[in-house]
Amino acid sequence: MQTILVCDDDKEIVEAIEIYLQQEGFHVLKAYDGEEALEILKNNEVHLLIMDVMMPKLDGIRATLKIRENSSIPIIILSAKTEDSDKILGLNIGADDYVEKPFNPLELVARVKSQLRRYTQLGNAAESGDSVYTVGGLSINDDLKEVTVDGEVVKLTPIEYNILLLLVKNQGKVFSINQIYESIWNEDAIGADNTVAVHIRHIREKIEINPKEPRYLKVVWGVGYKIDKN
């Protein structure tokens, strides 16, 4: 049974989310501020975190930053704010997805399942085969779900990994933002520009010596992104 940690200072929201997740067979842990969430994560195996932004003691933004120092657990941010800048901030600090309040509980459950599928696929090595993709000093071992640059292991979130793998597997092919979004998120690309751009920037910061002059992940202005053929 997979464990979901739900963190929100509104106990009614936490209880409502708990009901829907339990109906889908998940075990639910509850926290009501960021500090409590961090403590639960230290002492329990948690597979996904649903985190509100505005909370007492330690807000969701600062809590997520702390979690990302040593964990790639999927994080879905909840917030009543609807501005694009708030969504980008959530993604910038390492969240994998963002759901605006008020939300449809069934949509939230669907997003939880989607994130868990990606995370499980990232964490499980294949039983056989040797799927290694190389571009210059960049190498992806898809059996081990491991990315290295010039021999050094690079830690990517599940979404970052899947975007990079898509581009590396299709070296030379240019993918539009919408194509990337629909391939990775498996849903229609509506307002996907900022979401994809944030993840692309994170990937560059991790794999490029100079992200402003990338060796690997290139932008084709007005079209999209590509990895040049080796």
C-alpha atoms as a PDB file:
ATOM      1  CA  MET A   1       0.000   0.000   0.000  1.00  0.00           C
ATOM      2  CA  GLN A   2       1.404   3.388  -0.993  1.00  0.00           C
ATOM      3  CA  THR A   3       1.482   6.168   1.575  1.00  0.00           C
ATOM      4  CA  ILE A   4       0.450   9.745   0.813  1.00  0.00           C
ATOM      5  CA  LEU A   5       1.235  12.612   3.169  1.00  0.00           C
ATOM      6  CA  VAL A   6      -1.366  15.397   3.015  1.00  0.00           C
ATOM      7  CA  CYS A   7      -0.280  18.708   4.541  1.00  0.00           C
ATOM      8  CA  ASP A   8      -2.707  21.623   4.875  1.00  0.00           C
ATOM      9  CA  ASP A   9      -3.646  23.829   7.826  1.00  0.00           C
ATOM     10  CA  ASP A  10      -7.334  23.456   6.887  1.00  0.00           C
ATOM     11  CA  LYS A  11      -8.340  20.213   8.614  1.00  0.00           C
ATOM     12  CA  GLU A  12     -11.543  19.890   6.575  1.00  0.00           C
ATOM     13  CA  ILE A  13      -9.560  19.903   3.334  1.00  0.00           C
ATOM     14  CA  VAL A  14      -7.149  17.304   4.718  1.00  0.00           C
ATOM     15  CA  GLU A  15     -10.011  15.051   5.790  1.00  0.00           C
ATOM     16  CA  ALA A  16     -11.771  15.400   2.429  1.00  0.00           C
ATOM     17  CA  ILE A  17      -8.586  14.489   0.533  1.00  0.00           C
ATOM     18  CA  GLU A  18      -8.033  11.581   2.939  1.00  0.00           C
ATOM     19  CA  ILE A  19     -11.477  10.133   2.164  1.00  0.00           C
ATOM     20  CA  TYR A  20     -10.907  10.167  -1.600  1.00  0.00           C
ATOM     21  CA  LEU A  21      -7.382   8.733  -1.349  1.00  0.00           C
ATOM     22  CA  GLN A  22      -8.461   5.967   1.022  1.00  0.00           C
ATOM     23  CA  GLN A  23     -11.228   5.003  -1.403  1.00  0.00           C
ATOM     24  CA  GLU A  24      -8.462   4.405  -3.965  1.00  0.00           C
ATOM     25  CA  GLY A  25      -6.534   2.195  -1.555  1.00  0.00           C
ATOM     26  CA  PHE A  26      -3.898   4.654  -0.351  1.00  0.00           C
ATOM     27  CA  HIS A  27      -2.642   4.948   3.212  1.00  0.00           C
ATOM     28  CA  VAL A  28      -2.849   8.595   4.301  1.00  0.00           C
ATOM     29  CA  LEU A  29      -0.702  10.477   6.814  1.00  0.00           C
ATOM     30  CA  LYS A  30      -1.765  13.985   7.862  1.00  0.00           C
ATOM     31  CA  ALA A  31       0.107  17.156   8.781  1.00  0.00           C
ATOM     32  CA  TYR A  32      -1.129  20.678   9.392  1.00  0.00           C
ATOM     33  CA  ASP A  33       2.044  22.730   8.891  1.00  0.00           C
ATOM     34  CA  GLY A  34       5.415  22.365   7.175  1.00  0.00           C
ATOM     35  CA  GLU A  35       7.335  21.484  10.324  1.00  0.00           C
ATOM     36  CA  GLU A  36       4.967  18.620  11.106  1.00  0.00           C
ATOM     37  CA  ALA A  37       5.286  17.384   7.512  1.00  0.00           C
ATOM     38  CA  LEU A  38       9.097  17.323   7.732  1.00  0.00           C
ATOM     39  CA  GLU A  39       8.939  15.368  10.986  1.00  0.00           C
ATOM     40  CA  ILE A  40       6.578  12.783   9.482  1.00  0.00           C
ATOM     41  CA  LEU A  41       8.836  12.389   6.438  1.00  0.00           C
ATOM     42  CA  LYS A  42      11.808  11.685   8.722  1.00  0.00           C
ATOM     43  CA  ASN A  43      10.023   8.860  10.499  1.00  0.00           C
ATOM     44  CA  ASN A  44       7.862   7.286   7.793  1.00  0.00           C
ATOM     45  CA  GLU A  45       8.161   5.919   4.283  1.00  0.00           C
ATOM     46  CA  VAL A  46       6.089   8.315   2.178  1.00  0.00           C
ATOM     47  CA  HIS A  47       5.556   7.864  -1.565  1.00  0.00           C
ATOM     48  CA  LEU A  48       4.007  11.257  -2.418  1.00  0.00           C
ATOM     49  CA  LEU A  49       3.369  14.576  -0.682  1.00  0.00           C
ATOM     50  CA  ILE A  50       0.415  16.917  -1.206  1.00  0.00           C
ATOM     51  CA  MET A  51       1.485  20.292   0.208  1.00  0.00           C
ATOM     52  CA  ASP A  52      -0.460  23.507   0.758  1.00  0.00           C
ATOM     53  CA  VAL A  53       1.426  26.781   0.255  1.00  0.00           C
ATOM     54  CA  MET A  54       0.034  29.068   2.957  1.00  0.00           C
ATOM     55  CA  MET A  55       0.533  27.468   6.388  1.00  0.00           C
ATOM     56  CA  PRO A  56       1.707  28.515   9.863  1.00  0.00           C
ATOM     57  CA  LYS A  57       5.185  27.811  11.313  1.00  0.00           C
ATOM     58  CA  LEU A  58       6.707  26.642   8.019  1.00  0.00           C
ATOM     59  CA  ASP A  59       4.928  27.334   4.741  1.00  0.00           C
ATOM     60  CA  GLY A  60       4.759  24.955   1.809  1.00  0.00           C
ATOM     61  CA  ILE A  61       7.385  26.797  -0.227  1.00  0.00           C
ATOM     62  CA  ARG A  62      10.078  26.636   2.450  1.00  0.00           C
ATOM     63  CA  ALA A  63       9.126  23.096   3.416  1.00  0.00           C
ATOM     64  CA  THR A  64       9.435  21.948  -0.205  1.00  0.00           C
ATOM     65  CA  LEU A  65      12.854  23.583  -0.491  1.00  0.00           C
ATOM     66  CA  LYS A  66      14.033  21.660   2.579  1.00  0.00           C
ATOM     67  CA  ILE A  67      12.633  18.374   1.280  1.00  0.00           C
ATOM     68  CA  ARG A  68      14.342  18.834  -2.080  1.00  0.00           C
ATOM     69  CA  GLU A  69      17.731  19.053  -0.375  1.00  0.00           C
ATOM     70  CA  ASN A  70      17.804  15.266  -0.064  1.00  0.00           C
ATOM     71  CA  SER A  71      14.657  13.763  -1.593  1.00  0.00           C
ATOM     72  CA  SER A  72      13.084  13.449  -5.035  1.00  0.00           C
ATOM     73  CA  ILE A  73       9.678  12.329  -3.676  1.00  0.00           C
ATOM     74  CA  PRO A  74       6.824  13.569  -5.912  1.00  0.00           C
ATOM     75  CA  ILE A  75       5.304  16.772  -4.516  1.00  0.00           C
ATOM     76  CA  ILE A  76       1.972  18.265  -5.554  1.00  0.00           C
ATOM     77  CA  ILE A  77       1.483  21.864  -4.430  1.00  0.00           C
ATOM     78  CA  LEU A  78      -1.981  23.097  -3.403  1.00  0.00           C
ATOM     79  CA  SER A  79      -2.726  26.805  -3.413  1.00  0.00           C
ATOM     80  CA  ALA A  80      -5.669  29.176  -3.593  1.00  0.00           C
ATOM     81  CA  LYS A  81      -3.513  31.519  -5.653  1.00  0.00           C
ATOM     82  CA  THR A  82      -4.218  31.449  -9.369  1.00  0.00           C
ATOM     83  CA  GLU A  83      -1.497  33.720 -10.718  1.00  0.00           C
ATOM     84  CA  ASP A  84       0.962  32.156 -13.175  1.00  0.00           C
ATOM     85  CA  SER A  85       3.819  33.528 -11.077  1.00  0.00           C
ATOM     86  CA  ASP A  86       2.702  31.430  -8.101  1.00  0.00           C
ATOM     87  CA  LYS A  87       2.506  28.300 -10.211  1.00  0.00           C
ATOM     88  CA  ILE A  88       5.984  28.955 -11.603  1.00  0.00           C
ATOM     89  CA  LEU A  89       7.309  29.534  -8.080  1.00  0.00           C
ATOM     90  CA  GLY A  90       5.933  26.176  -6.994  1.00  0.00           C
ATOM     91  CA  LEU A  91       7.632  24.430  -9.905  1.00  0.00           C
ATOM     92  CA  ASN A  92      10.819  26.440  -9.428  1.00  0.00           C
ATOM     93  CA  ILE A  93      11.281  25.169  -5.903  1.00  0.00           C
ATOM     94  CA  GLY A  94      11.007  21.566  -7.040  1.00  0.00           C
ATOM     95  CA  ALA A  95       7.312  20.665  -7.007  1.00  0.00           C
ATOM     96  CA  ASP A  96       6.228  18.180  -9.664  1.00  0.00           C
ATOM     97  CA  ASP A  97       2.682  19.432 -10.099  1.00  0.00           C
ATOM     98  CA  TYR A  98       0.388  22.257  -9.006  1.00  0.00           C
ATOM     99  CA  VAL A  99      -3.335  22.157  -8.226  1.00  0.00           C
ATOM    100  CA  GLU A 100      -5.367  25.301  -7.630  1.00  0.00           C
ATOM    101  CA  LYS A 101      -8.008  25.588  -4.913  1.00  0.00           C
ATOM    102  CA  PRO A 102     -10.880  24.973  -5.123  1.00  0.00           C
ATOM    103  CA  PHE A 103     -10.100  21.697  -6.857  1.00  0.00           C
ATOM    104  CA  ASN A 104     -11.966  18.642  -8.040  1.00  0.00           C
ATOM    105  CA  PRO A 105     -10.956  15.796  -5.683  1.00  0.00           C
ATOM    106  CA  LEU A 106     -11.151  13.279  -8.526  1.00  0.00           C
ATOM    107  CA  GLU A 107      -8.699  15.355 -10.562  1.00  0.00           C
ATOM    108  CA  LEU A 108      -6.348  15.513  -7.582  1.00  0.00           C
ATOM    109  CA  VAL A 109      -6.499  11.728  -7.190  1.00  0.00           C
ATOM    110  CA  ALA A 110      -5.784  11.322 -10.917  1.00  0.00           C
ATOM    111  CA  ARG A 111      -2.730  13.570 -10.608  1.00  0.00           C
ATOM    112  CA  VAL A 112      -1.546  11.608  -7.563  1.00  0.00           C
ATOM    113  CA  LYS A 113      -1.748   8.357  -9.536  1.00  0.00           C
ATOM    114  CA  SER A 114       0.036   9.921 -12.507  1.00  0.00           C
ATOM    115  CA  GLN A 115       2.926  11.184 -10.370  1.00  0.00           C
ATOM    116  CA  LEU A 116       3.263   7.835  -8.606  1.00  0.00           C
ATOM    117  CA  ARG A 117       3.426   5.999 -11.942  1.00  0.00           C
ATOM    118  CA  ARG A 118       6.292   8.227 -13.075  1.00  0.00           C
ATOM    119  CA  TYR A 119       8.121   7.914  -9.777  1.00  0.00           C
ATOM    120  CA  THR A 120       7.728   4.126  -9.704  1.00  0.00           C
ATOM    121  CA  GLN A 121       8.991   3.833 -13.257  1.00  0.00           C
ATOM    122  CA  LEU A 122      11.965   6.014 -12.380  1.00  0.00           C
ATOM    123  CA  GLY A 123      12.826   4.020  -9.283  1.00  0.00           C
ATOM    124  CA  ASN A 124      12.556   0.504 -10.718  1.00  0.00           C
ATOM    125  CA  ALA A 125      15.383  -0.831 -12.822  1.00  0.00           C
ATOM    126  CA  ALA A 126      14.485  -3.098 -15.719  1.00  0.00           C
ATOM    127  CA  GLU A 127      15.140  -6.799 -15.236  1.00  0.00           C
ATOM    128  CA  SER A 128      17.223  -7.194 -18.338  1.00  0.00           C
ATOM    129  CA  GLY A 129      18.642  -5.351 -21.300  1.00  0.00           C
ATOM    130  CA  ASP A 130      21.062  -2.470 -21.522  1.00  0.00           C
ATOM    131  CA  SER A 131      19.322   0.730 -22.570  1.00  0.00           C
ATOM    132  CA  VAL A 132      22.072   3.315 -22.557  1.00  0.00           C
ATOM    133  CA  TYR A 133      21.779   6.532 -24.549  1.00  0.00           C
ATOM    134  CA  THR A 134      24.826   8.737 -25.004  1.00  0.00           C
ATOM    135  CA  VAL A 135      25.370  12.232 -26.378  1.00  0.00           C
ATOM    136  CA  GLY A 136      28.935  13.435 -25.928  1.00  0.00           C
ATOM    137  CA  GLY A 137      29.619  13.407 -22.184  1.00  0.00           C
ATOM    138  CA  LEU A 138      25.915  12.980 -21.359  1.00  0.00           C
ATOM    139  CA  SER A 139      24.756   9.421 -20.705  1.00  0.00           C
ATOM    140  CA  ILE A 140      21.393   7.972 -19.658  1.00  0.00           C
ATOM    141  CA  ASN A 141      21.162   4.388 -18.448  1.00  0.00           C
ATOM    142  CA  ASP A 142      17.427   3.768 -18.660  1.00  0.00           C
ATOM    143  CA  ASP A 143      17.720   0.383 -16.928  1.00  0.00           C
ATOM    144  CA  LEU A 144      19.254   1.998 -13.855  1.00  0.00           C
ATOM    145  CA  LYS A 145      17.359   5.281 -14.365  1.00  0.00           C
ATOM    146  CA  GLU A 146      20.702   7.025 -13.982  1.00  0.00           C
ATOM    147  CA  VAL A 147      21.993  10.164 -15.700  1.00  0.00           C
ATOM    148  CA  THR A 148      25.678  11.041 -15.773  1.00  0.00           C
ATOM    149  CA  VAL A 149      27.531  14.026 -17.229  1.00  0.00           C
ATOM    150  CA  ASP A 150      31.266  13.549 -17.776  1.00  0.00           C
ATOM    151  CA  GLY A 151      31.104  10.581 -15.411  1.00  0.00           C
ATOM    152  CA  GLU A 152      29.346  12.431 -12.589  1.00  0.00           C
ATOM    153  CA  VAL A 153      25.875  11.265 -11.525  1.00  0.00           C
ATOM    154  CA  VAL A 154      23.179  13.947 -11.917  1.00  0.00           C
ATOM    155  CA  LYS A 155      20.039  13.818  -9.757  1.00  0.00           C
ATOM    156  CA  LEU A 156      16.858  14.594 -11.678  1.00  0.00           C
ATOM    157  CA  THR A 157      13.227  14.571 -10.604  1.00  0.00           C
ATOM    158  CA  PRO A 158      10.987  12.038 -12.415  1.00  0.00           C
ATOM    159  CA  ILE A 159       9.586  14.685 -14.774  1.00  0.00           C
ATOM    160  CA  GLU A 160      13.032  16.113 -15.546  1.00  0.00           C
ATOM    161  CA  TYR A 161      14.302  12.608 -16.256  1.00  0.00           C
ATOM    162  CA  ASN A 162      11.419  11.775 -18.567  1.00  0.00           C
ATOM    163  CA  ILE A 163      11.789  15.017 -20.541  1.00  0.00           C
ATOM    164  CA  LEU A 164      15.531  14.472 -20.976  1.00  0.00           C
ATOM    165  CA  LEU A 165      15.034  10.828 -21.949  1.00  0.00           C
ATOM    166  CA  LEU A 166      12.429  11.802 -24.555  1.00  0.00           C
ATOM    167  CA  LEU A 167      14.830  14.270 -26.168  1.00  0.00           C
ATOM    168  CA  VAL A 168      17.906  12.027 -25.967  1.00  0.00           C
ATOM    169  CA  LYS A 169      16.041   9.060 -27.449  1.00  0.00           C
ATOM    170  CA  ASN A 170      15.065  11.298 -30.383  1.00  0.00           C
ATOM    171  CA  GLN A 171      18.374  13.060 -31.018  1.00  0.00           C
ATOM    172  CA  GLY A 172      18.098  15.745 -33.664  1.00  0.00           C
ATOM    173  CA  LYS A 173      14.304  15.903 -33.539  1.00  0.00           C
ATOM    174  CA  VAL A 174      12.774  19.193 -32.423  1.00  0.00           C
ATOM    175  CA  PHE A 175       9.893  18.890 -29.948  1.00  0.00           C
ATOM    176  CA  SER A 176       7.485  21.759 -29.437  1.00  0.00           C
ATOM    177  CA  ILE A 177       6.471  22.711 -25.903  1.00  0.00           C
ATOM    178  CA  ASN A 178       3.036  21.186 -26.505  1.00  0.00           C
ATOM    179  CA  GLN A 179       4.562  17.931 -27.778  1.00  0.00           C
ATOM    180  CA  ILE A 180       6.791  17.676 -24.717  1.00  0.00           C
ATOM    181  CA  TYR A 181       3.908  18.406 -22.349  1.00  0.00           C
ATOM    182  CA  GLU A 182       1.529  15.921 -23.972  1.00  0.00           C
ATOM    183  CA  SER A 183       4.219  13.209 -24.093  1.00  0.00           C
ATOM    184  CA  ILE A 184       5.248  13.580 -20.449  1.00  0.00           C
ATOM    185  CA  TRP A 185       2.025  14.622 -18.713  1.00  0.00           C
ATOM    186  CA  ASN A 186      -0.289  12.569 -20.949  1.00  0.00           C
ATOM    187  CA  GLU A 187      -2.882  15.335 -21.103  1.00  0.00           C
ATOM    188  CA  ASP A 188      -3.778  18.174 -23.431  1.00  0.00           C
ATOM    189  CA  ALA A 189      -1.285  21.028 -23.409  1.00  0.00           C
ATOM    190  CA  ILE A 190      -3.309  23.990 -22.202  1.00  0.00           C
ATOM    191  CA  GLY A 191      -1.124  26.797 -20.897  1.00  0.00           C
ATOM    192  CA  ALA A 192       1.875  24.456 -20.861  1.00  0.00           C
ATOM    193  CA  ASP A 193       4.539  27.005 -21.825  1.00  0.00           C
ATOM    194  CA  ASN A 194       5.618  28.052 -18.334  1.00  0.00           C
ATOM    195  CA  THR A 195       5.461  24.542 -16.912  1.00  0.00           C
ATOM    196  CA  VAL A 196       7.724  23.041 -19.577  1.00  0.00           C
ATOM    197  CA  ALA A 197      10.083  26.044 -19.593  1.00  0.00           C
ATOM    198  CA  VAL A 198      10.690  25.747 -15.846  1.00  0.00           C
ATOM    199  CA  HIS A 199      11.567  22.046 -16.091  1.00  0.00           C
ATOM    200  CA  ILE A 200      13.817  22.644 -19.119  1.00  0.00           C
ATOM    201  CA  ARG A 201      15.690  25.315 -17.158  1.00  0.00           C
ATOM    202  CA  HIS A 202      16.149  22.940 -14.219  1.00  0.00           C
ATOM    203  CA  ILE A 203      17.513  20.227 -16.526  1.00  0.00           C
ATOM    204  CA  ARG A 204      19.972  22.674 -18.068  1.00  0.00           C
ATOM    205  CA  GLU A 205      21.171  23.820 -14.658  1.00  0.00           C
ATOM    206  CA  LYS A 206      21.956  20.200 -13.803  1.00  0.00           C
ATOM    207  CA  ILE A 207      23.520  18.904 -17.029  1.00  0.00           C
ATOM    208  CA  GLU A 208      25.173  21.966 -18.563  1.00  0.00           C
ATOM    209  CA  ILE A 209      28.448  23.568 -17.471  1.00  0.00           C
ATOM    210  CA  ASN A 210      27.069  26.889 -18.687  1.00  0.00           C
ATOM    211  CA  PRO A 211      23.258  26.758 -18.992  1.00  0.00           C
ATOM    212  CA  LYS A 212      23.308  29.971 -21.057  1.00  0.00           C
ATOM    213  CA  GLU A 213      25.504  28.255 -23.663  1.00  0.00           C
ATOM    214  CA  PRO A 214      24.207  24.681 -23.582  1.00  0.00           C
ATOM    215  CA  ARG A 215      26.172  21.801 -25.075  1.00  0.00           C
ATOM    216  CA  TYR A 216      23.251  19.408 -25.074  1.00  0.00           C
ATOM    217  CA  LEU A 217      19.756  20.811 -24.596  1.00  0.00           C
ATOM    218  CA  LYS A 218      19.285  23.357 -27.372  1.00  0.00           C
ATOM    219  CA  VAL A 219      16.421  25.742 -28.044  1.00  0.00           C
ATOM    220  CA  VAL A 220      15.148  26.178 -31.593  1.00  0.00           C
ATOM    221  CA  TRP A 221      13.627  29.644 -31.377  1.00  0.00           C
ATOM    222  CA  GLY A 222       9.934  29.729 -32.153  1.00  0.00           C
ATOM    223  CA  VAL A 223       9.792  25.951 -32.524  1.00  0.00           C
ATOM    224  CA  GLY A 224      10.888  24.074 -29.410  1.00  0.00           C
ATOM    225  CA  TYR A 225      13.777  22.069 -27.942  1.00  0.00           C
ATOM    226  CA  LYS A 226      16.114  19.339 -29.097  1.00  0.00           C
ATOM    227  CA  ILE A 227      19.211  17.347 -28.255  1.00  0.00           C
ATOM    228  CA  ASP A 228      21.701  17.542 -31.112  1.00  0.00           C
ATOM    229  CA  LYS A 229      22.835  14.266 -32.633  1.00  0.00           C
ATOM    230  CA  ASN A 230      26.141  13.020 -31.289  1.00  0.00           C
END
